[in-house]
Amino acid sequence: MRRSAAVLCGATVVLAGTLTAAPASADASYSANTAQAAKVTWKKCATDDSPTLQCASVKVPLDYAKPQGKQITLALSRVPHTASTYQGPLLVNPGGPGGSGLSLAGFVASSLPKEVAAQYDVIGFDPRGVGASKPALDCKPGHFDPVRPDSVPSTPAIEKANLARAKSFAQACGTKYKDVLPYINTVSAVKDMDSIRKALGAKKINYFGYSYGTYLGAVYAKLFPERVRRLVLDSIVDPTGVWYDDNIQQDYAFDKRHKALMAWIAKYDSTYKLGTDPKKIEAKWYAMRAALAKKPAGGKVGASELEDIFIPGGYNNAYWPTLAQTFAAYVNGHDTAALVKAYDDIAAIDASGDNGYSVYTSVQCRDASWPRDWNQWRKDNWAVYEKAPFMAWNNAWYNAPCAFWPTTSQKPVNVANSKLPPVLLFQATDDAATPYQGGVTMHRLLKGSSLVVEQGGGNHGITLGGNACLDKHLATYLTNGKVPHGSGTADAVCKKLADPKPQAAAEKTPSTAKSAVAHVGKTLSGILGHGG
């Protein structure tokens, strides 16, 4: 819901789909359907991390009301099943909207227990407009180039500059993709998923989605309930707040998570020398922000860019040691180079990020109505800022193009559903990107669903991230469809993983700090990106 990094499948080769036979090992429930032959040809596109990865493409209508009209291309990836027991395709999505799903297939297949992954064709895909799919949107390259205006519109001139950026981005999208934008939305992406199902020759799909991918999966289940075999939703969007209200709720949750980082730094004063009082440490952070607003570090890191550096810490606490180290270096040693390096390593937006943001805005602005009167945004976001200043205005400007978007809006889908097999939901209580209430609400709306809660957890995307309790529930469900049943709001509760420790003294060089961030990039957090 907030930020998204498009991580593409390495060495992807996209091919036009042709007919292929059904896998010989498919069980009876699938072989009867796949005998019709799927419309996908797979070619090896192995990576070091995914040696059996395959890639392909399918063509789908741009406008499903005109199925014989203009066609677009969706890029797919697959780790094929190897077991004699075949449970069908497992489509996976990392969220965003705007996130590339090609590399997620390899990650999921390698992170699940081998005996579980072996029973599925794990299918990644780039939704329409994303990554290796064609056309891939890039409305305004360089939109996030530093130094941007201060996100907090403390003067009319600053507000005017930020409004000009938002308007120019919306206008660029409307000019460049006038014929495409009306069809970049969740409902169209869901219909694409069903086109993928047909191309794979499957009567039903299994689905595993993170973040925004939970809404995508819930909407698919609403429109095609008879096509759902198993459904896993992790870090759940509140489907009743799409999208303006959900973004405001994020602001409160991210501010709380930023305070958690300050409290963590306070525990390690012997390492960071920033004090033992979290409130005083937070005051030092805002003082750093004020100084950078006046004089950006290295001509690159101003107040808005500083926020960009620290927002990922709200998604995953694996960033905390690097963030704390960078913070301390600036406050205690006036080290601006560390800030610039952290920006380059963590926050800088590349071409895939430009693409991800273009799709993010296109989907969110089209999916639901947004206030068109900027006075409403001003009123609401100043009210948030008074209580939760950390991300309030940064997030507002990130979504502000929706106030000026060139397409009309649709109505959000009511995902309430009583026609599904058992559904498995995962939610951390302190998740900032998709706050806890979203999981509770989805649990209520999907009749018969089961909610597994990570108590005290604050990371975004919690399964396959090292918590054995969560992963056991996931593996059981994918193996036999069984879900836990409890008497309270949660059907099962898992303890959170321990917070990270500071980096050892030997690791506090710039090169190893970058290595630490690179390591995060190879994990689930890196695939999901800083987004929802």
Protein backbone atom coordinates (compact mmCIF):
# COMPACT_ATOMS: atom_id res chain seq x y z
CA MET A 1 0.00 0.00 0.00
CA ARG A 2 2.88 2.41 0.53
CA ARG A 3 6.02 1.61 -1.38
CA SER A 4 7.00 -1.11 -3.76
CA ALA A 5 10.22 -2.39 -5.23
CA ALA A 6 10.01 -4.35 -8.46
CA VAL A 7 12.45 -7.25 -8.21
CA LEU A 8 12.66 -9.00 -11.54
CA CYS A 9 13.32 -12.61 -12.31
CA GLY A 10 16.93 -12.91 -13.46
CA ALA A 11 17.62 -13.83 -17.07
CA THR A 12 13.94 -13.75 -17.93
CA VAL A 13 13.04 -14.87 -21.43
CA VAL A 14 9.47 -14.04 -22.39
CA LEU A 15 7.90 -16.18 -25.06
CA ALA A 16 4.67 -16.18 -26.93
CA GLY A 17 2.39 -18.88 -25.52
CA THR A 18 1.80 -22.05 -27.48
CA LEU A 19 0.20 -25.38 -26.61
CA THR A 20 1.83 -27.79 -24.20
CA ALA A 21 0.68 -31.08 -22.76
CA ALA A 22 -0.46 -31.59 -19.19
CA PRO A 23 2.18 -32.82 -16.74
CA ALA A 24 2.16 -36.60 -16.52
CA SER A 25 2.18 -36.54 -12.74
CA ALA A 26 -0.94 -34.42 -12.34
CA ASP A 27 -3.56 -35.97 -10.10
CA ALA A 28 -7.04 -36.80 -11.36
CA SER A 29 -8.61 -33.50 -10.31
CA TYR A 30 -6.19 -31.64 -12.55
CA SER A 31 -5.41 -34.05 -15.38
CA ALA A 32 -8.99 -34.09 -16.63
CA ASN A 33 -8.82 -30.37 -17.16
CA THR A 34 -5.23 -30.03 -18.30
CA ALA A 35 -5.90 -32.60 -21.00
CA GLN A 36 -7.39 -29.65 -22.88
CA ALA A 37 -3.77 -28.40 -23.08
CA ALA A 38 -2.39 -25.23 -21.60
CA LYS A 39 -1.45 -22.20 -23.66
CA VAL A 40 1.96 -21.62 -22.15
CA THR A 41 5.41 -22.62 -23.30
CA TRP A 42 8.08 -22.55 -20.62
CA LYS A 43 11.75 -21.91 -21.15
CA LYS A 44 14.57 -22.21 -18.65
CA CYS A 45 15.57 -18.92 -17.03
CA ALA A 46 17.49 -20.30 -14.08
CA THR A 47 19.19 -18.08 -11.52
CA ASP A 48 21.74 -18.98 -8.87
CA ASP A 49 18.98 -18.91 -6.26
CA SER A 50 16.42 -20.73 -8.45
CA PRO A 51 18.18 -23.31 -10.65
CA THR A 52 14.92 -24.85 -11.92
CA LEU A 53 13.13 -21.58 -12.65
CA GLN A 54 11.26 -21.31 -15.94
CA CYS A 55 9.73 -18.28 -17.66
CA ALA A 56 6.99 -17.70 -20.20
CA SER A 57 4.23 -15.24 -21.10
CA VAL A 58 0.54 -15.12 -21.88
CA LYS A 59 -1.49 -12.61 -23.82
CA VAL A 60 -4.68 -11.19 -22.31
CA PRO A 61 -7.18 -8.52 -23.36
CA LEU A 62 -6.44 -4.99 -22.28
CA ASP A 63 -10.20 -4.54 -21.91
CA TYR A 64 -12.09 -7.67 -20.90
CA ALA A 65 -15.28 -6.13 -22.28
CA LYS A 66 -13.59 -6.43 -25.67
CA PRO A 67 -11.84 -9.80 -25.51
CA GLN A 68 -10.91 -9.73 -29.19
CA GLY A 69 -9.51 -6.21 -28.96
CA LYS A 70 -6.03 -4.98 -28.04
CA GLN A 71 -3.91 -7.59 -26.26
CA ILE A 72 -1.23 -7.07 -23.63
CA THR A 73 1.42 -9.48 -22.35
CA LEU A 74 1.88 -10.87 -18.86
CA ALA A 75 5.26 -12.29 -17.82
CA LEU A 76 5.21 -15.54 -15.82
CA SER A 77 7.73 -17.59 -13.89
CA ARG A 78 7.46 -21.16 -12.61
CA VAL A 79 9.22 -23.60 -10.36
CA PRO A 80 7.64 -26.88 -11.52
CA HIS A 81 6.44 -29.59 -9.17
CA THR A 82 8.54 -32.72 -8.80
CA ALA A 83 6.40 -34.94 -6.57
CA SER A 84 4.05 -37.64 -7.83
CA THR A 85 1.31 -35.96 -5.80
CA TYR A 86 0.40 -32.80 -7.69
CA GLN A 87 -1.79 -30.16 -6.05
CA GLY A 88 -1.91 -27.76 -8.98
CA PRO A 89 -0.59 -24.23 -9.56
CA LEU A 90 0.21 -21.98 -6.60
CA LEU A 91 0.09 -18.36 -7.79
CA VAL A 92 2.14 -16.00 -5.62
CA ASN A 93 2.06 -12.20 -5.43
CA PRO A 94 4.30 -9.82 -3.40
CA GLY A 95 1.90 -6.87 -3.22
CA GLY A 96 2.44 -3.26 -4.11
CA PRO A 97 0.41 -2.70 -6.20
CA GLY A 98 3.29 -2.56 -8.62
CA GLY A 99 5.48 -5.32 -7.23
CA SER A 100 7.08 -7.84 -9.56
CA GLY A 101 6.22 -11.42 -8.68
CA LEU A 102 8.70 -13.24 -10.92
CA SER A 103 11.39 -13.76 -8.28
CA LEU A 104 8.84 -14.58 -5.59
CA ALA A 105 8.13 -17.97 -7.19
CA GLY A 106 11.70 -19.09 -6.63
CA PHE A 107 11.76 -17.72 -3.11
CA VAL A 108 8.53 -19.45 -2.08
CA ALA A 109 9.53 -22.74 -3.68
CA SER A 110 12.91 -22.74 -1.92
CA SER A 111 11.56 -21.52 1.45
CA LEU A 112 8.70 -23.98 1.86
CA PRO A 113 9.58 -27.47 3.11
CA LYS A 114 10.83 -29.41 0.09
CA GLU A 115 8.12 -32.03 0.34
CA VAL A 116 5.44 -29.30 0.27
CA ALA A 117 6.88 -27.19 -2.54
CA ALA A 118 7.39 -30.33 -4.63
CA GLN A 119 3.62 -30.80 -4.85
CA TYR A 120 2.95 -27.46 -6.55
CA ASP A 121 3.83 -25.57 -9.66
CA VAL A 122 4.79 -22.30 -7.97
CA ILE A 123 3.78 -19.54 -10.38
CA GLY A 124 5.06 -15.98 -10.19
CA PHE A 125 3.70 -13.25 -12.42
CA ASP A 126 4.15 -9.58 -13.17
CA PRO A 127 0.67 -8.02 -13.07
CA ARG A 128 -0.38 -5.83 -15.98
CA GLY A 129 1.87 -2.82 -16.33
CA VAL A 130 4.62 -4.26 -14.13
CA GLY A 131 8.21 -5.24 -14.84
CA ALA A 132 8.59 -7.71 -17.69
CA SER A 133 4.91 -7.53 -18.65
CA LYS A 134 4.14 -5.36 -21.67
CA PRO A 135 3.43 -2.52 -21.73
CA ALA A 136 5.36 -1.69 -18.57
CA LEU A 137 4.40 1.72 -17.21
CA ASP A 138 6.89 4.46 -16.42
CA CYS A 139 4.99 7.71 -16.27
CA LYS A 140 7.74 10.11 -15.29
CA PRO A 141 11.28 8.73 -14.91
CA GLY A 142 13.20 10.45 -12.14
CA HIS A 143 10.11 11.61 -10.25
CA PHE A 144 11.86 10.81 -6.96
CA ASP A 145 15.26 12.27 -7.84
CA PRO A 146 16.73 14.16 -4.89
CA VAL A 147 16.47 16.72 -3.47
CA ARG A 148 12.66 16.91 -3.27
CA PRO A 149 10.79 19.66 -1.43
CA ASP A 150 10.37 19.13 2.30
CA SER A 151 7.42 16.79 2.75
CA VAL A 152 5.99 18.90 5.58
CA PRO A 153 4.22 21.85 3.88
CA SER A 154 5.10 24.35 6.58
CA THR A 155 4.90 27.26 4.13
CA PRO A 156 2.65 27.97 1.14
CA ALA A 157 5.70 27.80 -1.13
CA ILE A 158 6.59 24.27 0.03
CA GLU A 159 3.00 23.11 -0.37
CA LYS A 160 2.85 24.63 -3.84
CA ALA A 161 6.06 22.87 -4.88
CA ASN A 162 4.77 19.49 -3.67
CA LEU A 163 1.41 20.01 -5.35
CA ALA A 164 3.16 20.83 -8.61
CA ARG A 165 5.07 17.53 -8.41
CA ALA A 166 1.87 15.54 -7.78
CA LYS A 167 -0.04 17.25 -10.58
CA SER A 168 2.81 16.84 -13.06
CA PHE A 169 3.05 13.12 -12.33
CA ALA A 170 -0.69 12.59 -12.83
CA GLN A 171 -0.58 14.62 -16.02
CA ALA A 172 2.41 12.66 -17.33
CA CYS A 173 0.59 9.36 -16.75
CA GLY A 174 -2.52 10.66 -18.48
CA THR A 175 -0.57 11.87 -21.47
CA LYS A 176 1.71 8.87 -21.88
CA TYR A 177 -0.81 6.11 -21.13
CA LYS A 178 -4.18 7.60 -21.97
CA ASP A 179 -5.44 4.40 -23.60
CA VAL A 180 -4.07 2.08 -20.90
CA LEU A 181 -4.82 3.76 -17.55
CA PRO A 182 -8.55 2.89 -17.45
CA TYR A 183 -7.57 -0.79 -17.39
CA ILE A 184 -4.83 -0.71 -14.75
CA ASN A 185 -6.78 -1.71 -11.66
CA THR A 186 -7.34 -4.58 -9.26
CA VAL A 187 -10.40 -6.05 -10.99
CA SER A 188 -8.57 -6.24 -14.33
CA ALA A 189 -5.55 -7.82 -12.61
CA VAL A 190 -7.88 -10.40 -11.04
CA LYS A 191 -9.32 -11.25 -14.45
CA ASP A 192 -5.74 -11.64 -15.66
CA MET A 193 -5.18 -14.18 -12.89
CA ASP A 194 -8.10 -16.18 -14.18
CA SER A 195 -6.68 -15.95 -17.68
CA ILE A 196 -3.44 -17.38 -16.27
CA ARG A 197 -5.45 -20.18 -14.67
CA LYS A 198 -7.03 -21.02 -18.01
CA ALA A 199 -3.69 -20.87 -19.79
CA LEU A 200 -2.26 -23.28 -17.24
CA GLY A 201 -5.17 -25.62 -17.86
CA ALA A 202 -6.24 -25.73 -14.21
CA LYS A 203 -9.81 -25.95 -12.98
CA LYS A 204 -8.79 -24.19 -9.77
CA ILE A 205 -5.84 -22.26 -8.44
CA ASN A 206 -4.07 -22.08 -5.11
CA TYR A 207 -3.04 -18.55 -4.18
CA PHE A 208 -0.52 -17.04 -1.75
CA GLY A 209 -0.42 -13.24 -1.50
CA TYR A 210 1.36 -10.71 0.67
CA SER A 211 0.27 -7.15 1.52
CA TYR A 212 -1.71 -5.64 -1.39
CA GLY A 213 -1.63 -9.18 -2.73
CA THR A 214 -4.10 -10.06 0.04
CA TYR A 215 -6.65 -7.68 -1.45
CA LEU A 216 -5.89 -9.01 -4.92
CA GLY A 217 -6.51 -12.55 -3.67
CA ALA A 218 -9.70 -11.62 -1.81
CA VAL A 219 -11.09 -9.90 -4.90
CA TYR A 220 -10.23 -12.95 -7.02
CA ALA A 221 -12.05 -15.13 -4.49
CA LYS A 222 -15.07 -12.83 -4.65
CA LEU A 223 -15.30 -12.84 -8.44
CA PHE A 224 -14.29 -16.49 -8.94
CA PRO A 225 -15.09 -18.37 -5.71
CA GLU A 226 -15.54 -21.66 -7.53
CA ARG A 227 -11.98 -21.36 -8.86
CA VAL A 228 -10.32 -21.14 -5.43
CA ARG A 229 -8.77 -24.31 -4.02
CA ARG A 230 -6.55 -22.87 -1.28
CA LEU A 231 -6.02 -19.24 -0.29
CA VAL A 232 -3.24 -17.82 1.92
CA LEU A 233 -3.20 -14.11 2.80
CA ASP A 234 -0.25 -12.66 4.73
CA SER A 235 -0.08 -9.10 6.15
CA ILE A 236 -3.58 -8.13 5.29
CA VAL A 237 -4.98 -4.96 3.77
CA ASP A 238 -8.17 -3.70 5.40
CA PRO A 239 -10.56 -4.19 2.46
CA THR A 240 -13.03 -1.68 3.93
CA GLY A 241 -10.52 1.19 3.77
CA VAL A 242 -9.48 1.05 0.13
CA TRP A 243 -7.45 3.23 -0.35
CA TYR A 244 -7.55 6.71 1.21
CA ASP A 245 -8.48 5.56 4.72
CA ASP A 246 -6.00 2.70 4.67
CA ASN A 247 -3.15 5.08 3.92
CA ILE A 248 -4.11 7.34 6.81
CA GLN A 249 -4.18 4.38 9.18
CA GLN A 250 -0.70 3.48 7.98
CA ASP A 251 0.58 6.84 9.17
CA TYR A 252 -0.35 6.15 12.78
CA ALA A 253 1.13 2.66 12.63
CA PHE A 254 4.41 3.81 11.07
CA ASP A 255 4.82 6.52 13.69
CA LYS A 256 4.41 3.87 16.39
CA ARG A 257 6.95 1.65 14.65
CA HIS A 258 9.41 4.56 14.37
CA LYS A 259 9.09 5.03 18.12
CA ALA A 260 9.84 1.32 18.53
CA LEU A 261 13.10 1.90 16.65
CA MET A 262 13.94 4.79 18.98
CA ALA A 263 13.28 2.53 21.99
CA TRP A 264 15.52 -0.17 20.47
CA ILE A 265 18.34 2.37 20.00
CA ALA A 266 17.92 3.44 23.63
CA LYS A 267 18.59 -0.16 24.74
CA TYR A 268 21.98 -0.03 23.06
CA ASP A 269 23.39 3.29 24.22
CA SER A 270 26.76 1.61 24.71
CA THR A 271 26.83 1.06 20.94
CA TYR A 272 25.15 4.12 19.48
CA LYS A 273 25.79 6.81 22.15
CA LEU A 274 22.46 8.48 21.51
CA GLY A 275 21.10 8.20 25.05
CA THR A 276 18.80 5.95 27.02
CA ASP A 277 15.56 7.95 26.77
CA PRO A 278 13.58 7.08 23.61
CA LYS A 279 11.80 10.45 23.60
CA LYS A 280 15.07 12.35 23.70
CA ILE A 281 16.51 10.13 20.99
CA GLU A 282 13.43 10.83 18.85
CA ALA A 283 13.97 14.56 19.44
CA LYS A 284 17.52 14.16 18.11
CA TRP A 285 16.10 12.46 15.02
CA TYR A 286 13.75 15.36 14.34
CA ALA A 287 16.61 17.80 14.95
CA MET A 288 18.60 15.89 12.32
CA ARG A 289 15.63 16.18 9.99
CA ALA A 290 15.40 19.95 10.54
CA ALA A 291 19.11 20.37 9.84
CA LEU A 292 18.89 18.37 6.62
CA ALA A 293 15.90 20.42 5.50
CA LYS A 294 18.17 23.47 5.62
CA LYS A 295 21.30 21.81 4.25
CA PRO A 296 20.89 18.42 2.51
CA ALA A 297 23.70 15.95 3.14
CA GLY A 298 25.96 15.72 0.14
CA GLY A 299 23.44 17.74 -1.85
CA LYS A 300 21.31 14.58 -1.92
CA VAL A 301 19.65 13.80 1.43
CA GLY A 302 17.17 16.43 2.53
CA ALA A 303 14.28 16.03 4.95
CA SER A 304 12.14 14.00 2.54
CA GLU A 305 15.02 11.71 1.60
CA LEU A 306 15.79 11.13 5.29
CA GLU A 307 12.24 9.91 5.74
CA ASP A 308 12.72 7.64 2.71
CA ILE A 309 15.78 6.10 4.41
CA PHE A 310 13.97 5.38 7.67
CA ILE A 311 10.56 4.26 6.34
CA PRO A 312 11.92 0.78 5.42
CA GLY A 313 12.63 0.30 9.13
CA GLY A 314 8.88 0.30 9.61
CA TYR A 315 8.58 -2.63 7.22
CA ASN A 316 11.33 -4.79 8.64
CA ASN A 317 13.50 -4.44 11.74
CA ALA A 318 16.42 -6.06 9.92
CA TYR A 319 17.16 -2.49 8.79
CA TRP A 320 17.39 -1.17 12.34
CA PRO A 321 21.13 -1.73 12.96
CA THR A 322 22.07 0.07 9.74
CA LEU A 323 19.61 2.90 10.41
CA ALA A 324 20.81 3.33 13.98
CA GLN A 325 24.43 3.32 12.87
CA THR A 326 23.74 5.97 10.22
CA PHE A 327 21.76 8.10 12.68
CA ALA A 328 24.53 7.94 15.28
CA ALA A 329 27.23 8.74 12.73
CA TYR A 330 25.46 11.96 11.78
CA VAL A 331 24.56 13.10 15.30
CA ASN A 332 27.82 12.16 16.99
CA GLY A 333 30.29 12.68 14.18
CA HIS A 334 28.56 15.00 11.69
CA ASP A 335 29.03 12.24 9.12
CA THR A 336 27.01 13.20 6.05
CA ALA A 337 28.65 10.55 3.87
CA ALA A 338 26.96 7.80 5.89
CA LEU A 339 23.56 9.35 5.17
CA VAL A 340 24.27 9.56 1.46
CA LYS A 341 25.43 5.95 1.44
CA ALA A 342 22.33 4.83 3.33
CA TYR A 343 20.15 6.67 0.85
CA ASP A 344 21.88 5.01 -2.10
CA ASP A 345 21.69 1.57 -0.48
CA ILE A 346 18.17 1.70 0.94
CA ALA A 347 16.02 4.45 -0.52
CA ALA A 348 17.12 5.49 -3.99
CA ILE A 349 14.52 4.79 -6.70
CA ASP A 350 15.76 3.14 -9.89
CA ALA A 351 13.92 2.38 -13.14
CA SER A 352 12.11 -0.61 -11.62
CA GLY A 353 11.03 1.64 -8.75
CA ASP A 354 9.72 4.23 -11.20
CA ASN A 355 7.74 1.44 -12.87
CA GLY A 356 6.43 0.17 -9.54
CA TYR A 357 5.28 3.63 -8.49
CA SER A 358 3.60 4.23 -11.83
CA VAL A 359 1.56 1.05 -11.41
CA TYR A 360 0.95 1.76 -7.73
CA THR A 361 -0.68 5.10 -8.46
CA SER A 362 -2.50 3.79 -11.52
CA VAL A 363 -4.15 0.99 -9.53
CA GLN A 364 -4.88 2.86 -6.33
CA CYS A 365 -6.18 5.98 -8.04
CA ARG A 366 -8.45 3.92 -10.31
CA ASP A 367 -9.62 1.36 -7.73
CA ALA A 368 -11.55 3.73 -5.51
CA SER A 369 -12.59 7.34 -5.09
CA TRP A 370 -10.14 9.83 -3.59
CA PRO A 371 -10.92 13.38 -2.41
CA ARG A 372 -10.58 15.74 -5.37
CA ASP A 373 -10.62 18.81 -3.12
CA TRP A 374 -7.09 19.41 -1.83
CA ASN A 375 -8.54 21.17 1.21
CA GLN A 376 -9.75 17.76 2.41
CA TRP A 377 -6.26 16.29 2.11
CA ARG A 378 -4.79 19.31 3.89
CA LYS A 379 -7.24 19.03 6.77
CA ASP A 380 -6.89 15.27 7.20
CA ASN A 381 -3.11 15.11 6.96
CA TRP A 382 -2.43 17.99 9.31
CA ALA A 383 -4.70 16.22 11.81
CA VAL A 384 -2.64 13.05 11.42
CA TYR A 385 0.63 15.00 11.62
CA GLU A 386 -0.28 16.47 14.98
CA LYS A 387 -0.44 12.96 16.47
CA ALA A 388 1.82 10.92 14.20
CA PRO A 389 4.29 13.13 12.32
CA PHE A 390 6.87 10.61 11.13
CA MET A 391 5.35 9.55 7.81
CA ALA A 392 2.15 11.61 7.59
CA TRP A 393 3.08 14.11 4.90
CA ASN A 394 5.58 11.88 3.11
CA ASN A 395 2.79 9.37 2.60
CA ALA A 396 0.31 12.09 1.62
CA TRP A 397 2.54 13.32 -1.22
CA TYR A 398 3.24 9.73 -2.28
CA ASN A 399 -0.50 9.30 -2.89
CA ALA A 400 -1.32 12.89 -3.87
CA PRO A 401 -1.45 12.23 -7.64
CA CYS A 402 -4.78 10.52 -6.94
CA ALA A 403 -6.29 13.95 -6.21
CA PHE A 404 -5.59 14.86 -9.84
CA TRP A 405 -5.78 11.48 -11.56
CA PRO A 406 -6.94 11.58 -15.21
CA THR A 407 -9.26 8.53 -14.99
CA THR A 408 -12.53 8.16 -13.15
CA SER A 409 -12.62 5.92 -10.11
CA GLN A 410 -14.31 2.59 -9.60
CA LYS A 411 -16.04 1.27 -6.51
CA PRO A 412 -14.03 -0.99 -4.19
CA VAL A 413 -15.05 -4.63 -4.22
CA ASN A 414 -16.93 -5.92 -1.20
CA VAL A 415 -14.90 -9.04 -0.54
CA ALA A 416 -17.32 -10.62 1.97
CA ASN A 417 -17.52 -14.27 1.03
CA SER A 418 -19.20 -17.41 2.30
CA LYS A 419 -18.49 -19.61 -0.72
CA LEU A 420 -14.85 -20.51 -0.09
CA PRO A 421 -13.02 -23.54 1.24
CA PRO A 422 -11.00 -22.92 4.43
CA VAL A 423 -8.78 -19.82 4.04
CA LEU A 424 -5.60 -19.17 6.06
CA LEU A 425 -4.75 -15.63 7.20
CA PHE A 426 -1.54 -14.35 8.83
CA GLN A 427 -1.15 -11.02 10.62
CA ALA A 428 1.39 -9.42 12.98
CA THR A 429 -0.08 -7.26 15.74
CA ASP A 430 2.36 -4.36 15.19
CA ASP A 431 2.61 -4.42 11.40
CA ALA A 432 2.82 -0.82 10.21
CA ALA A 433 2.20 -1.26 6.48
CA THR A 434 -0.98 -3.27 6.96
CA PRO A 435 -2.18 -2.60 10.52
CA TYR A 436 -3.61 -5.43 12.60
CA GLN A 437 -7.25 -4.42 12.21
CA GLY A 438 -7.05 -5.33 8.53
CA GLY A 439 -6.44 -8.96 9.40
CA VAL A 440 -9.30 -8.96 11.90
CA THR A 441 -11.66 -7.40 9.36
CA MET A 442 -10.71 -9.83 6.59
CA HIS A 443 -11.16 -12.73 9.02
CA ARG A 444 -14.70 -11.52 9.72
CA LEU A 445 -15.56 -11.04 6.05
CA LEU A 446 -14.25 -14.40 4.83
CA LYS A 447 -16.57 -16.88 6.50
CA GLY A 448 -14.77 -19.96 7.75
CA SER A 449 -11.31 -18.38 7.49
CA SER A 450 -8.65 -18.98 10.14
CA LEU A 451 -6.44 -16.19 11.52
CA VAL A 452 -2.90 -16.87 12.77
CA VAL A 453 -1.44 -13.94 14.71
CA GLU A 454 2.19 -13.11 15.42
CA GLN A 455 1.90 -11.50 18.84
CA GLY A 456 4.12 -8.43 19.17
CA GLY A 457 5.54 -8.85 15.68
CA GLY A 458 6.11 -5.67 13.70
CA ASN A 459 7.52 -6.90 10.41
CA HIS A 460 5.58 -6.88 7.17
CA GLY A 461 5.31 -10.26 5.44
CA ILE A 462 5.71 -12.76 8.25
CA THR A 463 5.54 -16.27 6.80
CA LEU A 464 8.72 -17.74 5.31
CA GLY A 465 10.68 -15.16 7.29
CA GLY A 466 12.13 -17.46 9.92
CA ASN A 467 9.25 -17.91 12.38
CA ALA A 468 8.88 -21.70 12.65
CA CYS A 469 5.49 -21.47 14.36
CA LEU A 470 3.96 -19.47 11.52
CA ASP A 471 5.61 -21.60 8.86
CA LYS A 472 4.29 -24.81 10.41
CA HIS A 473 0.71 -23.58 10.02
CA LEU A 474 1.46 -22.60 6.41
CA ALA A 475 3.05 -25.95 5.55
CA THR A 476 0.20 -27.90 7.12
CA TYR A 477 -2.41 -25.96 5.17
CA LEU A 478 -0.62 -26.33 1.85
CA THR A 479 -0.15 -30.04 2.52
CA ASN A 480 -3.67 -31.04 3.50
CA GLY A 481 -5.88 -27.94 3.63
CA LYS A 482 -6.23 -28.03 7.43
CA VAL A 483 -6.40 -24.74 9.38
CA PRO A 484 -6.29 -24.09 13.14
CA HIS A 485 -9.51 -23.30 14.98
CA GLY A 486 -9.69 -21.15 18.11
CA SER A 487 -12.36 -19.55 20.24
CA GLY A 488 -11.12 -15.94 20.19
CA THR A 489 -10.30 -13.40 17.49
CA ALA A 490 -7.19 -15.39 16.63
CA ASP A 491 -7.38 -19.08 15.83
CA ALA A 492 -3.70 -19.51 16.67
CA VAL A 493 -1.01 -17.26 18.18
CA CYS A 494 2.74 -17.40 17.55
CA LYS A 495 5.45 -15.55 19.44
CA LYS A 496 7.35 -12.92 17.51
CA LEU A 497 10.95 -13.34 16.47
CA ALA A 498 13.56 -11.57 18.58
CA ASP A 499 14.58 -8.08 17.54
CA PRO A 500 18.01 -7.80 15.89
CA LYS A 501 21.21 -7.03 17.75
CA PRO A 502 23.56 -4.16 16.86
CA GLN A 503 26.19 -4.92 14.30
CA ALA A 504 29.54 -5.96 15.71
CA ALA A 505 32.23 -3.29 15.74
CA ALA A 506 34.03 -4.97 12.85
CA GLU A 507 30.89 -4.65 10.74
CA LYS A 508 30.58 -0.88 11.07
CA THR A 509 32.46 -0.01 7.91
CA PRO A 510 30.51 1.41 4.96
CA SER A 511 31.15 -1.69 2.84
CA THR A 512 29.78 -4.14 5.38
CA ALA A 513 26.85 -1.87 6.17
CA LYS A 514 25.92 -2.12 2.52
CA SER A 515 26.38 -5.88 2.72
CA ALA A 516 23.91 -6.00 5.59
CA VAL A 517 21.34 -4.14 3.50
CA ALA A 518 22.08 -6.37 0.53
CA HIS A 519 21.37 -9.38 2.72
CA VAL A 520 17.94 -7.97 3.54
CA GLY A 521 17.39 -7.58 -0.19
CA LYS A 522 17.85 -11.31 -0.67
CA THR A 523 15.21 -12.13 1.91
CA LEU A 524 11.45 -11.91 1.71
CA SER A 525 11.61 -8.24 2.72
CA GLY A 526 13.75 -7.48 -0.30
CA ILE A 527 11.29 -9.18 -2.64
CA LEU A 528 8.25 -7.50 -1.11
CA GLY A 529 9.97 -4.13 -1.19
CA HIS A 530 8.92 -1.18 0.94
CA GLY A 531 5.32 -1.56 0.05
CA GLY A 532 2.10 -2.99 0.68
